[in-house]
């Protein structure tokens, strides 16, 4: 069920503390941690503690939590002292989503060309 922890979800396990992560921020509703395969000098993932498959599902079910995720992305960028950054939500395997728990990628610390990838 949407919002409920999923036993087979890597990010739900990080939220539960059963899988370690380098956590940089945590609130009542979100967790931010360093990506294990960084694509930029700063590459931090922001996830809601509640399980939703992708950004659209989260926005539809819980707009307030969506705002929490985006607000925390900015807080990470501020703490990392990024002059500019990119916030990316991959949706679907064709877009590069490999973990089916919504997560925003905060990327910064280098030039980020457009269009991406």
PDB file of N, CA and C in Angstrom:
ATOM      1  N   UNK A   1       0.841  -1.185   0.000  1.00  0.00           N
ATOM      2  CA  UNK A   1       0.000   0.000   0.000  1.00  0.00           C
ATOM      3  C   UNK A   1       0.883   1.244   0.000  1.00  0.00           C
ATOM      4  N   UNK A   2       0.490   2.258  -0.755  1.00  0.00           N
ATOM      5  CA  UNK A   2       1.261   3.496  -0.852  1.00  0.00           C
ATOM      6  C   UNK A   2       1.443   4.109   0.533  1.00  0.00           C
ATOM      7  N   UNK A   3       2.647   4.584   0.767  1.00  0.00           N
ATOM      8  CA  UNK A   3       2.958   5.204   2.044  1.00  0.00           C
ATOM      9  C   UNK A   3       3.485   4.252   3.091  1.00  0.00           C
ATOM     10  N   UNK A   4       3.204   2.965   2.930  1.00  0.00           N
ATOM     11  CA  UNK A   4       3.638   1.960   3.899  1.00  0.00           C
ATOM     12  C   UNK A   4       5.007   1.408   3.527  1.00  0.00           C
ATOM     13  N   UNK A   5       5.856   1.098   4.516  1.00  0.00           N
ATOM     14  CA  UNK A   5       7.168   0.512   4.211  1.00  0.00           C
ATOM     15  C   UNK A   5       7.027  -0.789   3.426  1.00  0.00           C
ATOM     16  N   UNK A   6       7.938  -0.993   2.500  1.00  0.00           N
ATOM     17  CA  UNK A   6       7.946  -2.206   1.687  1.00  0.00           C
ATOM     18  C   UNK A   6       9.146  -3.053   2.105  1.00  0.00           C
ATOM     19  N   UNK A   7       8.927  -4.321   2.389  1.00  0.00           N
ATOM     20  CA  UNK A   7       9.987  -5.202   2.881  1.00  0.00           C
ATOM     21  C   UNK A   7      11.148  -5.339   1.911  1.00  0.00           C
ATOM     22  N   UNK A   8      10.871  -5.264   0.608  1.00  0.00           N
ATOM     23  CA  UNK A   8      11.912  -5.481  -0.399  1.00  0.00           C
ATOM     24  C   UNK A   8      12.510  -4.179  -0.939  1.00  0.00           C
ATOM     25  N   UNK A   9      12.242  -3.051  -0.276  1.00  0.00           N
ATOM     26  CA  UNK A   9      12.700  -1.745  -0.762  1.00  0.00           C
ATOM     27  C   UNK A   9      13.984  -1.322  -0.053  1.00  0.00           C
ATOM     28  N   UNK A  10      15.032  -1.103  -0.841  1.00  0.00           N
ATOM     29  CA  UNK A  10      16.321  -0.652  -0.318  1.00  0.00           C
ATOM     30  C   UNK A  10      16.176   0.633   0.499  1.00  0.00           C
ATOM     31  N   UNK A  11      15.444   1.601  -0.019  1.00  0.00           N
ATOM     32  CA  UNK A  11      15.336   2.880   0.674  1.00  0.00           C
ATOM     33  C   UNK A  11      14.476   2.780   1.931  1.00  0.00           C
ATOM     34  N   UNK A  12      13.472   1.928   1.941  1.00  0.00           N
ATOM     35  CA  UNK A  12      12.709   1.701   3.176  1.00  0.00           C
ATOM     36  C   UNK A  12      13.624   1.106   4.242  1.00  0.00           C
ATOM     37  N   UNK A  13      14.557   0.265   3.830  1.00  0.00           N
ATOM     38  CA  UNK A  13      15.517  -0.318   4.776  1.00  0.00           C
ATOM     39  C   UNK A  13      16.480   0.744   5.299  1.00  0.00           C
ATOM     40  N   UNK A  14      16.851   1.705   4.477  1.00  0.00           N
ATOM     41  CA  UNK A  14      17.692   2.816   4.950  1.00  0.00           C
ATOM     42  C   UNK A  14      16.904   3.639   5.970  1.00  0.00           C
ATOM     43  N   UNK A  15      15.648   3.930   5.677  1.00  0.00           N
ATOM     44  CA  UNK A  15      14.798   4.671   6.617  1.00  0.00           C
ATOM     45  C   UNK A  15      14.715   3.926   7.949  1.00  0.00           C
ATOM     46  N   UNK A  16      14.567   2.597   7.897  1.00  0.00           N
ATOM     47  CA  UNK A  16      14.444   1.784   9.108  1.00  0.00           C
ATOM     48  C   UNK A  16      15.771   1.622   9.835  1.00  0.00           C
ATOM     49  N   UNK A  17      16.879   1.943   9.175  1.00  0.00           N
ATOM     50  CA  UNK A  17      18.185   1.795   9.790  1.00  0.00           C
ATOM     51  C   UNK A  17      18.782   0.409   9.684  1.00  0.00           C
ATOM     52  N   UNK A  18      18.188  -0.458   8.858  1.00  0.00           N
ATOM     53  CA  UNK A  18      18.711  -1.823   8.710  1.00  0.00           C
ATOM     54  C   UNK A  18      19.775  -1.926   7.628  1.00  0.00           C
ATOM     55  N   UNK A  19      19.879  -0.904   6.780  1.00  0.00           N
ATOM     56  CA  UNK A  19      20.959  -0.800   5.794  1.00  0.00           C
ATOM     57  C   UNK A  19      21.638   0.541   6.047  1.00  0.00           C
ATOM     58  N   UNK A  20      22.970   0.541   6.161  1.00  0.00           N
ATOM     59  CA  UNK A  20      23.658   1.802   6.452  1.00  0.00           C
ATOM     60  C   UNK A  20      23.684   2.746   5.253  1.00  0.00           C
ATOM     61  N   UNK A  21      23.751   4.018   5.556  1.00  0.00           N
ATOM     62  CA  UNK A  21      23.889   5.062   4.544  1.00  0.00           C
ATOM     63  C   UNK A  21      24.596   6.236   5.209  1.00  0.00           C
ATOM     64  N   UNK A  22      25.242   7.048   4.395  1.00  0.00           N
ATOM     65  CA  UNK A  22      25.874   8.263   4.913  1.00  0.00           C
ATOM     66  C   UNK A  22      24.822   9.368   4.909  1.00  0.00           C
ATOM     67  N   UNK A  23      24.140   9.490   6.020  1.00  0.00           N
ATOM     68  CA  UNK A  23      23.032  10.435   6.144  1.00  0.00           C
ATOM     69  C   UNK A  23      23.587  11.830   6.411  1.00  0.00           C
ATOM     70  N   UNK A  24      23.098  12.794   5.629  1.00  0.00           N
ATOM     71  CA  UNK A  24      23.547  14.179   5.787  1.00  0.00           C
ATOM     72  C   UNK A  24      22.482  15.067   6.417  1.00  0.00           C
ATOM     73  N   UNK A  25      21.216  14.679   6.300  1.00  0.00           N
ATOM     74  CA  UNK A  25      20.104  15.409   6.928  1.00  0.00           C
ATOM     75  C   UNK A  25      18.978  14.421   7.173  1.00  0.00           C
ATOM     76  N   UNK A  26      18.195  14.740   8.206  1.00  0.00           N
ATOM     77  CA  UNK A  26      17.021  13.922   8.480  1.00  0.00           C
ATOM     78  C   UNK A  26      15.992  14.797   9.180  1.00  0.00           C
ATOM     79  N   UNK A  27      14.739  14.649   8.755  1.00  0.00           N
ATOM     80  CA  UNK A  27      13.633  15.342   9.411  1.00  0.00           C
ATOM     81  C   UNK A  27      12.616  14.289   9.824  1.00  0.00           C
ATOM     82  N   UNK A  28      11.500  14.736  10.338  1.00  0.00           N
ATOM     83  CA  UNK A  28      10.440  13.788  10.703  1.00  0.00           C
ATOM     84  C   UNK A  28       9.902  13.050   9.482  1.00  0.00           C
ATOM     85  N   UNK A  29      10.019  13.677   8.291  1.00  0.00           N
ATOM     86  CA  UNK A  29       9.393  13.102   7.096  1.00  0.00           C
ATOM     87  C   UNK A  29      10.357  12.693   5.997  1.00  0.00           C
ATOM     88  N   UNK A  30      11.650  13.106   6.101  1.00  0.00           N
ATOM     89  CA  UNK A  30      12.592  12.853   5.008  1.00  0.00           C
ATOM     90  C   UNK A  30      13.941  12.381   5.540  1.00  0.00           C
ATOM     91  N   UNK A  31      14.704  11.765   4.617  1.00  0.00           N
ATOM     92  CA  UNK A  31      16.097  11.395   4.884  1.00  0.00           C
ATOM     93  C   UNK A  31      16.901  11.807   3.654  1.00  0.00           C
ATOM     94  N   UNK A  32      18.071  12.385   3.881  1.00  0.00           N
ATOM     95  CA  UNK A  32      18.984  12.754   2.807  1.00  0.00           C
ATOM     96  C   UNK A  32      20.305  12.034   3.054  1.00  0.00           C
ATOM     97  N   UNK A  33      20.809  11.360   2.014  1.00  0.00           N
ATOM     98  CA  UNK A  33      22.046  10.595   2.169  1.00  0.00           C
ATOM     99  C   UNK A  33      22.844  10.626   0.878  1.00  0.00           C
ATOM    100  N   UNK A  34      24.149  10.416   1.007  1.00  0.00           N
ATOM    101  CA  UNK A  34      25.047  10.459  -0.146  1.00  0.00           C
ATOM    102  C   UNK A  34      24.813   9.252  -1.046  1.00  0.00           C
ATOM    103  N   UNK A  35      24.825   9.513  -2.357  1.00  0.00           N
ATOM    104  CA  UNK A  35      24.681   8.451  -3.349  1.00  0.00           C
ATOM    105  C   UNK A  35      25.940   7.590  -3.327  1.00  0.00           C
ATOM    106  N   UNK A  36      25.776   6.267  -3.435  1.00  0.00           N
ATOM    107  CA  UNK A  36      26.946   5.376  -3.407  1.00  0.00           C
ATOM    108  C   UNK A  36      27.695   5.365  -4.730  1.00  0.00           C
ATOM    109  N   UNK A  37      27.104   5.935  -5.782  1.00  0.00           N
ATOM    110  CA  UNK A  37      27.746   6.034  -7.084  1.00  0.00           C
ATOM    111  C   UNK A  37      27.608   7.472  -7.579  1.00  0.00           C
ATOM    112  N   UNK A  38      28.319   8.406  -6.935  1.00  0.00           N
ATOM    113  CA  UNK A  38      28.091   9.830  -7.231  1.00  0.00           C
ATOM    114  C   UNK A  38      28.449  10.206  -8.660  1.00  0.00           C
ATOM    115  N   UNK A  39      27.599  11.064  -9.230  1.00  0.00           N
ATOM    116  CA  UNK A  39      27.783  11.564 -10.590  1.00  0.00           C
ATOM    117  C   UNK A  39      28.247  13.009 -10.603  1.00  0.00           C
ATOM    118  N   UNK A  40      28.502  13.563  -9.430  1.00  0.00           N
ATOM    119  CA  UNK A  40      28.993  14.935  -9.279  1.00  0.00           C
ATOM    120  C   UNK A  40      29.661  15.009  -7.908  1.00  0.00           C
ATOM    121  N   UNK A  41      30.490  16.037  -7.675  1.00  0.00           N
ATOM    122  CA  UNK A  41      31.113  16.161  -6.351  1.00  0.00           C
ATOM    123  C   UNK A  41      30.103  16.141  -5.204  1.00  0.00           C
ATOM    124  N   UNK A  42      28.956  16.765  -5.403  1.00  0.00           N
ATOM    125  CA  UNK A  42      27.835  16.614  -4.463  1.00  0.00           C
ATOM    126  C   UNK A  42      26.756  15.817  -5.172  1.00  0.00           C
ATOM    127  N   UNK A  43      26.403  14.682  -4.588  1.00  0.00           N
ATOM    128  CA  UNK A  43      25.312  13.858  -5.115  1.00  0.00           C
ATOM    129  C   UNK A  43      24.622  13.232  -3.908  1.00  0.00           C
ATOM    130  N   UNK A  44      23.533  13.862  -3.522  1.00  0.00           N
ATOM    131  CA  UNK A  44      22.785  13.453  -2.341  1.00  0.00           C
ATOM    132  C   UNK A  44      21.373  13.088  -2.773  1.00  0.00           C
ATOM    133  N   UNK A  45      20.861  11.992  -2.223  1.00  0.00           N
ATOM    134  CA  UNK A  45      19.491  11.572  -2.481  1.00  0.00           C
ATOM    135  C   UNK A  45      18.602  12.056  -1.348  1.00  0.00           C
ATOM    136  N   UNK A  46      17.434  12.569  -1.702  1.00  0.00           N
ATOM    137  CA  UNK A  46      16.430  12.996  -0.729  1.00  0.00           C
ATOM    138  C   UNK A  46      15.232  12.079  -0.915  1.00  0.00           C
ATOM    139  N   UNK A  47      14.828  11.403   0.161  1.00  0.00           N
ATOM    140  CA  UNK A  47      13.678  10.503   0.078  1.00  0.00           C
ATOM    141  C   UNK A  47      12.665  10.835   1.166  1.00  0.00           C
ATOM    142  N   UNK A  48      11.393  10.601   0.881  1.00  0.00           N
ATOM    143  CA  UNK A  48      10.422  10.651   1.963  1.00  0.00           C
ATOM    144  C   UNK A  48      10.552   9.365   2.781  1.00  0.00           C
ATOM    145  N   UNK A  49      10.278   9.441   4.049  1.00  0.00           N
ATOM    146  CA  UNK A  49      10.311   8.230   4.873  1.00  0.00           C
ATOM    147  C   UNK A  49       9.172   7.284   4.495  1.00  0.00           C
ATOM    148  N   UNK A  50       8.080   7.834   4.009  1.00  0.00           N
ATOM    149  CA  UNK A  50       6.957   7.021   3.532  1.00  0.00           C
ATOM    150  C   UNK A  50       7.267   6.530   2.118  1.00  0.00           C
ATOM    151  N   UNK A  51       6.834   5.326   1.797  1.00  0.00           N
ATOM    152  CA  UNK A  51       7.130   4.714   0.501  1.00  0.00           C
ATOM    153  C   UNK A  51       6.094   5.110  -0.554  1.00  0.00           C
ATOM    154  N   UNK A  52       6.594   5.737  -1.605  1.00  0.00           N
ATOM    155  CA  UNK A  52       5.817   6.006  -2.818  1.00  0.00           C
ATOM    156  C   UNK A  52       6.730   5.645  -3.978  1.00  0.00           C
ATOM    157  N   UNK A  53       6.170   5.077  -5.034  1.00  0.00           N
ATOM    158  CA  UNK A  53       6.977   4.543  -6.127  1.00  0.00           C
ATOM    159  C   UNK A  53       7.749   5.601  -6.897  1.00  0.00           C
ATOM    160  N   UNK A  54       7.128   6.742  -7.160  1.00  0.00           N
ATOM    161  CA  UNK A  54       7.787   7.766  -7.975  1.00  0.00           C
ATOM    162  C   UNK A  54       7.225   9.142  -7.617  1.00  0.00           C
ATOM    163  N   UNK A  55       7.798  10.170  -8.238  1.00  0.00           N
ATOM    164  CA  UNK A  55       7.423  11.548  -7.905  1.00  0.00           C
ATOM    165  C   UNK A  55       5.955  11.834  -8.180  1.00  0.00           C
ATOM    166  N   UNK A  56       5.420  11.309  -9.268  1.00  0.00           N
ATOM    167  CA  UNK A  56       4.015  11.553  -9.589  1.00  0.00           C
ATOM    168  C   UNK A  56       3.097  10.921  -8.549  1.00  0.00           C
ATOM    169  N   UNK A  57       3.412   9.702  -8.135  1.00  0.00           N
ATOM    170  CA  UNK A  57       2.600   9.027  -7.114  1.00  0.00           C
ATOM    171  C   UNK A  57       2.643   9.805  -5.797  1.00  0.00           C
ATOM    172  N   UNK A  58       3.821  10.289  -5.433  1.00  0.00           N
ATOM    173  CA  UNK A  58       3.953  11.072  -4.204  1.00  0.00           C
ATOM    174  C   UNK A  58       3.162  12.369  -4.304  1.00  0.00           C
ATOM    175  N   UNK A  59       3.309  13.092  -5.401  1.00  0.00           N
ATOM    176  CA  UNK A  59       2.628  14.376  -5.564  1.00  0.00           C
ATOM    177  C   UNK A  59       1.111  14.217  -5.540  1.00  0.00           C
ATOM    178  N   UNK A  60       0.626  13.138  -6.136  1.00  0.00           N
ATOM    179  CA  UNK A  60      -0.815  12.886  -6.158  1.00  0.00           C
ATOM    180  C   UNK A  60      -1.345  12.542  -4.776  1.00  0.00           C
ATOM    181  N   UNK A  61      -0.620  11.681  -4.063  1.00  0.00           N
ATOM    182  CA  UNK A  61      -1.096  11.190  -2.775  1.00  0.00           C
ATOM    183  C   UNK A  61      -0.814  12.147  -1.617  1.00  0.00           C
ATOM    184  N   UNK A  62       0.307  12.886  -1.707  1.00  0.00           N
ATOM    185  CA  UNK A  62       0.713  13.662  -0.537  1.00  0.00           C
ATOM    186  C   UNK A  62       1.505  14.907  -0.957  1.00  0.00           C
ATOM    187  N   UNK A  63       0.814  15.942  -1.433  1.00  0.00           N
ATOM    188  CA  UNK A  63       1.515  17.157  -1.867  1.00  0.00           C
ATOM    189  C   UNK A  63       2.365  17.801  -0.775  1.00  0.00           C
ATOM    190  N   UNK A  64       1.937  17.708   0.466  1.00  0.00           N
ATOM    191  CA  UNK A  64       2.711  18.291   1.565  1.00  0.00           C
ATOM    192  C   UNK A  64       4.051  17.591   1.711  1.00  0.00           C
ATOM    193  N   UNK A  65       4.061  16.272   1.600  1.00  0.00           N
ATOM    194  CA  UNK A  65       5.306  15.514   1.687  1.00  0.00           C
ATOM    195  C   UNK A  65       6.192  15.801   0.477  1.00  0.00           C
ATOM    196  N   UNK A  66       5.589  16.004  -0.671  1.00  0.00           N
ATOM    197  CA  UNK A  66       6.353  16.389  -1.864  1.00  0.00           C
ATOM    198  C   UNK A  66       7.096  17.695  -1.592  1.00  0.00           C
ATOM    199  N   UNK A  67       6.418  18.643  -0.990  1.00  0.00           N
ATOM    200  CA  UNK A  67       7.049  19.923  -0.653  1.00  0.00           C
ATOM    201  C   UNK A  67       8.172  19.724   0.358  1.00  0.00           C
ATOM    202  N   UNK A  68       7.995  18.816   1.309  1.00  0.00           N
ATOM    203  CA  UNK A  68       9.059  18.526   2.281  1.00  0.00           C
ATOM    204  C   UNK A  68      10.319  18.030   1.573  1.00  0.00           C
ATOM    205  N   UNK A  69      10.155  17.147   0.598  1.00  0.00           N
ATOM    206  CA  UNK A  69      11.295  16.597  -0.134  1.00  0.00           C
ATOM    207  C   UNK A  69      12.027  17.707  -0.881  1.00  0.00           C
ATOM    208  N   UNK A  70      11.287  18.559  -1.568  1.00  0.00           N
ATOM    209  CA  UNK A  70      11.904  19.644  -2.335  1.00  0.00           C
ATOM    210  C   UNK A  70      12.577  20.651  -1.398  1.00  0.00           C
ATOM    211  N   UNK A  71      11.932  20.960  -0.289  1.00  0.00           N
ATOM    212  CA  UNK A  71      12.515  21.888   0.684  1.00  0.00           C
ATOM    213  C   UNK A  71      13.822  21.330   1.250  1.00  0.00           C
ATOM    214  N   UNK A  72      13.858  20.050   1.530  1.00  0.00           N
ATOM    215  CA  UNK A  72      15.081  19.427   2.043  1.00  0.00           C
ATOM    216  C   UNK A  72      16.178  19.394   0.985  1.00  0.00           C
ATOM    217  N   UNK A  73      15.804  19.258  -0.268  1.00  0.00           N
ATOM    218  CA  UNK A  73      16.801  19.322  -1.340  1.00  0.00           C
ATOM    219  C   UNK A  73      17.499  20.677  -1.314  1.00  0.00           C
ATOM    220  N   UNK A  74      16.748  21.739  -1.126  1.00  0.00           N
ATOM    221  CA  UNK A  74      17.346  23.067  -1.042  1.00  0.00           C
ATOM    222  C   UNK A  74      18.207  23.192   0.210  1.00  0.00           C
ATOM    223  N   UNK A  75      17.769  22.614   1.317  1.00  0.00           N
ATOM    224  CA  UNK A  75      18.564  22.666   2.550  1.00  0.00           C
ATOM    225  C   UNK A  75      19.901  21.954   2.361  1.00  0.00           C
ATOM    226  N   UNK A  76      19.889  20.836   1.659  1.00  0.00           N
ATOM    227  CA  UNK A  76      21.141  20.125   1.358  1.00  0.00           C
ATOM    228  C   UNK A  76      22.033  21.013   0.501  1.00  0.00           C
ATOM    229  N   UNK A  77      21.483  21.610  -0.552  1.00  0.00           N
ATOM    230  CA  UNK A  77      22.269  22.488  -1.420  1.00  0.00           C
ATOM    231  C   UNK A  77      22.874  23.640  -0.621  1.00  0.00           C
ATOM    232  N   UNK A  78      22.105  24.194   0.304  1.00  0.00           N
ATOM    233  CA  UNK A  78      22.611  25.280   1.137  1.00  0.00           C
ATOM    234  C   UNK A  78      23.751  24.790   2.031  1.00  0.00           C
ATOM    235  N   UNK A  79      23.562  23.649   2.681  1.00  0.00           N
ATOM    236  CA  UNK A  79      24.594  23.108   3.571  1.00  0.00           C
ATOM    237  C   UNK A  79      25.873  22.742   2.804  1.00  0.00           C
ATOM    238  N   UNK A  80      25.704  22.291   1.557  1.00  0.00           N
ATOM    239  CA  UNK A  80      26.857  21.931   0.730  1.00  0.00           C
ATOM    240  C   UNK A  80      27.494  23.161   0.079  1.00  0.00           C
ATOM    241  N   UNK A  81      26.888  24.327   0.317  1.00  0.00           N
ATOM    242  CA  UNK A  81      27.373  25.606  -0.220  1.00  0.00           C
ATOM    243  C   UNK A  81      27.449  25.595  -1.752  1.00  0.00           C
ATOM    244  N   UNK A  82      26.407  25.069  -2.367  1.00  0.00           N
ATOM    245  CA  UNK A  82      26.340  25.007  -3.825  1.00  0.00           C
ATOM    246  C   UNK A  82      25.798  26.322  -4.371  1.00  0.00           C
ATOM    247  N   UNK A  83      26.541  26.921  -5.312  1.00  0.00           N
ATOM    248  CA  UNK A  83      26.051  28.138  -5.967  1.00  0.00           C
ATOM    249  C   UNK A  83      24.860  27.830  -6.861  1.00  0.00           C
ATOM    250  N   UNK A  84      24.886  26.639  -7.446  1.00  0.00           N
ATOM    251  CA  UNK A  84      23.775  26.161  -8.259  1.00  0.00           C
ATOM    252  C   UNK A  84      23.754  24.647  -8.139  1.00  0.00           C
ATOM    253  N   UNK A  85      22.612  24.073  -8.452  1.00  0.00           N
ATOM    254  CA  UNK A  85      22.478  22.623  -8.353  1.00  0.00           C
ATOM    255  C   UNK A  85      21.326  22.165  -9.238  1.00  0.00           C
ATOM    256  N   UNK A  86      21.267  20.881  -9.424  1.00  0.00           N
ATOM    257  CA  UNK A  86      20.170  20.280 -10.177  1.00  0.00           C
ATOM    258  C   UNK A  86      19.443  19.313  -9.250  1.00  0.00           C
ATOM    259  N   UNK A  87      18.117  19.325  -9.315  1.00  0.00           N
ATOM    260  CA  UNK A  87      17.281  18.382  -8.581  1.00  0.00           C
ATOM    261  C   UNK A  87      16.572  17.522  -9.612  1.00  0.00           C
ATOM    262  N   UNK A  88      16.842  16.205  -9.586  1.00  0.00           N
ATOM    263  CA  UNK A  88      16.337  15.288 -10.612  1.00  0.00           C
ATOM    264  C   UNK A  88      15.510  14.186  -9.955  1.00  0.00           C
ATOM    265  N   UNK A  89      14.342  13.919 -10.522  1.00  0.00           N
ATOM    266  CA  UNK A  89      13.516  12.779 -10.144  1.00  0.00           C
ATOM    267  C   UNK A  89      13.374  11.898 -11.373  1.00  0.00           C
ATOM    268  N   UNK A  90      14.001  10.734 -11.381  1.00  0.00           N
ATOM    269  CA  UNK A  90      13.839   9.788 -12.483  1.00  0.00           C
ATOM    270  C   UNK A  90      12.556   9.002 -12.255  1.00  0.00           C
ATOM    271  N   UNK A  91      11.767   8.857 -13.299  1.00  0.00           N
ATOM    272  CA  UNK A  91      10.508   8.118 -13.189  1.00  0.00           C
ATOM    273  C   UNK A  91      10.464   7.073 -14.284  1.00  0.00           C
ATOM    274  N   UNK A  92      10.558   5.820 -13.886  1.00  0.00           N
ATOM    275  CA  UNK A  92      10.527   4.698 -14.824  1.00  0.00           C
ATOM    276  C   UNK A  92      11.921   4.230 -15.197  1.00  0.00           C
ATOM    277  N   UNK A  93      12.013   2.976 -15.565  1.00  0.00           N
ATOM    278  CA  UNK A  93      13.313   2.377 -15.891  1.00  0.00           C
ATOM    279  C   UNK A  93      13.961   3.045 -17.104  1.00  0.00           C
ATOM    280  N   UNK A  94      13.175   3.500 -18.075  1.00  0.00           N
ATOM    281  CA  UNK A  94      13.726   4.171 -19.244  1.00  0.00           C
ATOM    282  C   UNK A  94      14.372   5.504 -18.917  1.00  0.00           C
ATOM    283  N   UNK A  95      14.026   6.076 -17.769  1.00  0.00           N
ATOM    284  CA  UNK A  95      14.613   7.344 -17.324  1.00  0.00           C
ATOM    285  C   UNK A  95      15.730   7.118 -16.310  1.00  0.00           C
ATOM    286  N   UNK A  96      16.015   5.848 -16.009  1.00  0.00           N
ATOM    287  CA  UNK A  96      17.112   5.547 -15.096  1.00  0.00           C
ATOM    288  C   UNK A  96      16.699   5.232 -13.673  1.00  0.00           C
ATOM    289  N   UNK A  97      15.407   5.130 -13.399  1.00  0.00           N
ATOM    290  CA  UNK A  97      14.988   4.784 -12.041  1.00  0.00           C
ATOM    291  C   UNK A  97      15.297   3.313 -11.790  1.00  0.00           C
ATOM    292  N   UNK A  98      16.062   3.040 -10.734  1.00  0.00           N
ATOM    293  CA  UNK A  98      16.425   1.659 -10.391  1.00  0.00           C
ATOM    294  C   UNK A  98      15.916   1.246  -9.023  1.00  0.00           C
ATOM    295  N   UNK A  99      15.548   2.207  -8.196  1.00  0.00           N
ATOM    296  CA  UNK A  99      14.941   1.915  -6.894  1.00  0.00           C
ATOM    297  C   UNK A  99      13.545   2.507  -6.933  1.00  0.00           C
ATOM    298  N   UNK A 100      12.547   1.686  -6.665  1.00  0.00           N
ATOM    299  CA  UNK A 100      11.151   2.092  -6.833  1.00  0.00           C
ATOM    300  C   UNK A 100      10.591   2.692  -5.552  1.00  0.00           C
ATOM    301  N   UNK A 101      11.335   3.658  -5.017  1.00  0.00           N
ATOM    302  CA  UNK A 101      10.948   4.506  -3.883  1.00  0.00           C
ATOM    303  C   UNK A 101      11.371   5.900  -4.325  1.00  0.00           C
ATOM    304  N   UNK A 102      10.433   6.809  -4.437  1.00  0.00           N
ATOM    305  CA  UNK A 102      10.741   8.135  -4.972  1.00  0.00           C
ATOM    306  C   UNK A 102      11.960   8.730  -4.285  1.00  0.00           C
ATOM    307  N   UNK A 103      12.822   9.316  -5.100  1.00  0.00           N
ATOM    308  CA  UNK A 103      14.013   9.978  -4.565  1.00  0.00           C
ATOM    309  C   UNK A 103      14.453  11.075  -5.516  1.00  0.00           C
ATOM    310  N   UNK A 104      14.821  12.198  -4.920  1.00  0.00           N
ATOM    311  CA  UNK A 104      15.367  13.295  -5.688  1.00  0.00           C
ATOM    312  C   UNK A 104      16.880  13.280  -5.560  1.00  0.00           C
ATOM    313  N   UNK A 105      17.548  13.493  -6.689  1.00  0.00           N
ATOM    314  CA  UNK A 105      19.004  13.580  -6.717  1.00  0.00           C
ATOM    315  C   UNK A 105      19.391  15.056  -6.671  1.00  0.00           C
ATOM    316  N   UNK A 106      20.140  15.467  -5.665  1.00  0.00           N
ATOM    317  CA  UNK A 106      20.717  16.814  -5.624  1.00  0.00           C
ATOM    318  C   UNK A 106      22.133  16.678  -6.164  1.00  0.00           C
ATOM    319  N   UNK A 107      22.373  17.306  -7.318  1.00  0.00           N
ATOM    320  CA  UNK A 107      23.665  17.239  -7.995  1.00  0.00           C
ATOM    321  C   UNK A 107      24.264  18.631  -8.072  1.00  0.00           C
ATOM    322  N   UNK A 108      25.547  18.737  -7.746  1.00  0.00           N
ATOM    323  CA  UNK A 108      26.206  20.029  -7.844  1.00  0.00           C
ATOM    324  C   UNK A 108      27.703  19.896  -7.622  1.00  0.00           C
ATOM    325  N   UNK A 109      28.362  21.037  -7.682  1.00  0.00           N
ATOM    326  CA  UNK A 109      29.796  21.050  -7.470  1.00  0.00           C
ATOM    327  C   UNK A 109      30.606  20.932  -8.747  1.00  0.00           C
ATOM    328  N   UNK A 110      29.927  20.903  -9.887  1.00  0.00           N
ATOM    329  CA  UNK A 110      30.585  20.898 -11.198  1.00  0.00           C
ATOM    330  C   UNK A 110      29.579  21.458 -12.201  1.00  0.00           C
ATOM    331  N   UNK A 111      30.053  21.783 -13.385  1.00  0.00           N
ATOM    332  CA  UNK A 111      29.139  22.228 -14.432  1.00  0.00           C
ATOM    333  C   UNK A 111      28.180  21.097 -14.805  1.00  0.00           C
ATOM    334  N   UNK A 112      26.952  21.445 -15.007  1.00  0.00           N
ATOM    335  CA  UNK A 112      25.931  20.466 -15.390  1.00  0.00           C
ATOM    336  C   UNK A 112      25.349  20.905 -16.731  1.00  0.00           C
ATOM    337  N   UNK A 113      25.872  20.307 -17.795  1.00  0.00           N
ATOM    338  CA  UNK A 113      25.457  20.669 -19.149  1.00  0.00           C
ATOM    339  C   UNK A 113      23.997  20.355 -19.407  1.00  0.00           C
ATOM    340  N   UNK A 114      23.452  21.014 -20.421  1.00  0.00           N
ATOM    341  CA  UNK A 114      22.071  20.749 -20.849  1.00  0.00           C
ATOM    342  C   UNK A 114      22.093  20.532 -22.347  1.00  0.00           C
ATOM    343  N   UNK A 115      21.413  19.574 -22.880  1.00  0.00           N
ATOM    344  CA  UNK A 115      20.558  18.641 -22.143  1.00  0.00           C
ATOM    345  C   UNK A 115      21.386  17.571 -21.442  1.00  0.00           C
ATOM    346  N   UNK A 116      20.820  17.008 -20.373  1.00  0.00           N
ATOM    347  CA  UNK A 116      21.516  15.963 -19.637  1.00  0.00           C
ATOM    348  C   UNK A 116      21.530  14.660 -20.427  1.00  0.00           C
ATOM    349  N   UNK A 117      22.475  13.782 -20.057  1.00  0.00           N
ATOM    350  CA  UNK A 117      22.606  12.409 -20.552  1.00  0.00           C
ATOM    351  C   UNK A 117      22.028  12.154 -21.865  1.00  0.00           C
TER     352      UNK A 117
END
